[in-house]
Amino acid sequence: NGQELREGVDYELAPGRLLLKTPVDGAVVQTVVDLVPEENTQLSGLYKDEASAMYCTQCEAMGFRRITYYPDRPDNMATFTSVRLEADKERYPILLSNGNRLDQGTVPEDDSR
């Protein structure tokens, strides 16, 4: 319903865990995560390869959990409707992702991206 949830009231956060206190059937949950790939030395999830200066992902089989909350169980299949890659054009002219490219261009508010 577009309602923003309140931590401690509607959900709880713990390391590696997101608990919705009153889940609703058919609900769509949208999350925003902050990552520091330069500090990820496990080569899993999103990390920066120092040799090539490229950002990389390794999501099989558990790496995606290092990027966002994801139960990753056969009885709980998630659908991802969109993924957006965005970076400084001068520093990172090539962006690669799994899947089919649907669009490309600059960010309307920031043509350096």
Protein backbone atom coordinates (compact mmCIF):
# COMPACT_ATOMS: atom_id res chain seq x y z
CA ASN A 1 0.00 0.00 0.00
CA GLY A 2 3.05 2.26 -0.24
CA GLN A 3 3.30 2.62 3.53
CA GLU A 4 6.80 3.15 4.92
CA LEU A 5 7.53 0.68 7.71
CA ARG A 6 9.00 1.76 11.05
CA GLU A 7 11.93 -0.09 12.58
CA GLY A 8 11.04 -1.60 15.95
CA VAL A 9 7.32 -1.23 15.26
CA ASP A 10 6.70 -2.90 11.89
CA TYR A 11 10.01 -4.75 11.47
CA GLU A 12 13.18 -5.75 13.29
CA LEU A 13 16.73 -5.76 11.96
CA ALA A 14 19.48 -8.05 13.20
CA PRO A 15 22.73 -9.13 11.54
CA GLY A 16 21.68 -11.13 8.47
CA ARG A 17 18.00 -10.96 9.39
CA LEU A 18 14.97 -8.85 8.51
CA LEU A 19 11.78 -9.75 10.40
CA LEU A 20 8.43 -8.30 9.32
CA LYS A 21 6.22 -8.21 12.42
CA THR A 22 2.87 -8.27 10.61
CA PRO A 23 3.37 -9.67 7.12
CA VAL A 24 0.46 -9.36 4.71
CA ASP A 25 -0.26 -11.97 2.03
CA GLY A 26 0.75 -10.66 -1.38
CA ALA A 27 2.73 -7.76 0.06
CA VAL A 28 5.53 -6.21 -1.97
CA VAL A 29 8.59 -5.33 0.09
CA GLN A 30 11.03 -2.78 -1.30
CA THR A 31 14.38 -2.35 0.41
CA VAL A 32 17.30 0.04 0.03
CA VAL A 33 20.73 -1.18 1.10
CA ASP A 34 24.07 0.56 1.56
CA LEU A 35 27.13 -1.42 0.49
CA VAL A 36 30.87 -0.82 0.69
CA PRO A 37 32.24 -3.19 -1.97
CA GLU A 38 35.77 -1.84 -1.50
CA GLU A 39 35.81 -3.41 1.98
CA ASN A 40 34.39 -6.77 0.88
CA THR A 41 37.36 -9.15 0.72
CA GLN A 42 35.35 -12.39 0.51
CA LEU A 43 34.84 -12.22 -3.30
CA SER A 44 31.16 -12.92 -2.70
CA GLY A 45 28.24 -10.54 -3.18
CA LEU A 46 29.30 -7.14 -4.56
CA TYR A 47 33.04 -6.45 -4.33
CA LYS A 48 35.72 -4.37 -6.04
CA ASP A 49 38.52 -6.20 -7.80
CA GLU A 50 41.61 -4.14 -7.07
CA ALA A 51 43.66 -5.58 -9.97
CA SER A 52 41.18 -4.49 -12.64
CA ALA A 53 39.49 -1.69 -10.64
CA MET A 54 36.15 -3.25 -11.63
CA TYR A 55 33.14 -3.83 -9.43
CA CYS A 56 32.02 -7.45 -9.61
CA THR A 57 29.29 -9.67 -8.23
CA GLN A 58 29.36 -13.32 -7.26
CA CYS A 59 25.89 -14.31 -6.14
CA GLU A 60 25.86 -18.11 -6.36
CA ALA A 61 24.88 -19.74 -4.12
CA MET A 62 24.88 -17.48 -1.04
CA GLY A 63 26.52 -14.29 -2.33
CA PHE A 64 23.24 -12.50 -2.96
CA ARG A 65 22.62 -12.54 0.80
CA ARG A 66 25.67 -10.30 1.14
CA ILE A 67 23.90 -7.69 -1.03
CA THR A 68 20.37 -7.65 0.40
CA TYR A 69 18.01 -9.60 2.66
CA TYR A 70 16.96 -12.71 0.80
CA PRO A 71 15.62 -15.97 2.26
CA ASP A 72 16.76 -18.05 -0.76
CA ARG A 73 14.58 -21.10 -0.14
CA PRO A 74 12.67 -23.30 -2.61
CA ASP A 75 9.41 -22.58 -0.75
CA ASN A 76 9.92 -18.81 -0.94
CA MET A 77 10.66 -17.80 -4.52
CA ALA A 78 11.24 -14.09 -5.06
CA THR A 79 10.65 -12.17 -8.28
CA PHE A 80 12.85 -9.21 -9.12
CA THR A 81 11.05 -6.72 -11.33
CA SER A 82 13.96 -4.37 -11.96
CA VAL A 83 17.65 -3.93 -11.32
CA ARG A 84 19.42 -0.69 -12.11
CA LEU A 85 23.17 -0.25 -12.50
CA GLU A 86 24.44 3.30 -12.22
CA ALA A 87 28.01 4.66 -12.06
CA ASP A 88 30.21 7.58 -13.00
CA LYS A 89 30.65 7.37 -16.81
CA GLU A 90 34.29 8.48 -16.80
CA ARG A 91 35.48 6.10 -14.09
CA TYR A 92 33.28 3.12 -15.03
CA PRO A 93 32.36 3.30 -18.73
CA ILE A 94 31.34 -0.37 -18.91
CA LEU A 95 28.58 -1.84 -16.75
CA LEU A 96 27.73 -5.53 -17.04
CA SER A 97 24.80 -7.39 -15.58
CA ASN A 98 23.01 -10.71 -15.94
CA GLY A 99 19.88 -10.60 -18.03
CA ASN A 100 18.73 -8.66 -21.05
CA ARG A 101 19.36 -4.93 -21.33
CA LEU A 102 16.04 -3.11 -21.39
CA ASP A 103 17.33 0.44 -21.43
CA GLN A 104 20.47 2.55 -21.32
CA GLY A 105 21.25 6.22 -20.99
CA THR A 106 22.17 8.92 -18.55
CA VAL A 107 20.53 9.71 -15.24
CA PRO A 108 18.14 12.63 -15.90
CA GLU A 109 19.27 14.54 -12.79
CA ASP A 110 23.00 13.83 -13.35
CA ASP A 111 24.43 13.45 -16.85
CA SER A 112 27.80 12.35 -15.43
CA ARG A 113 26.11 9.02 -14.63
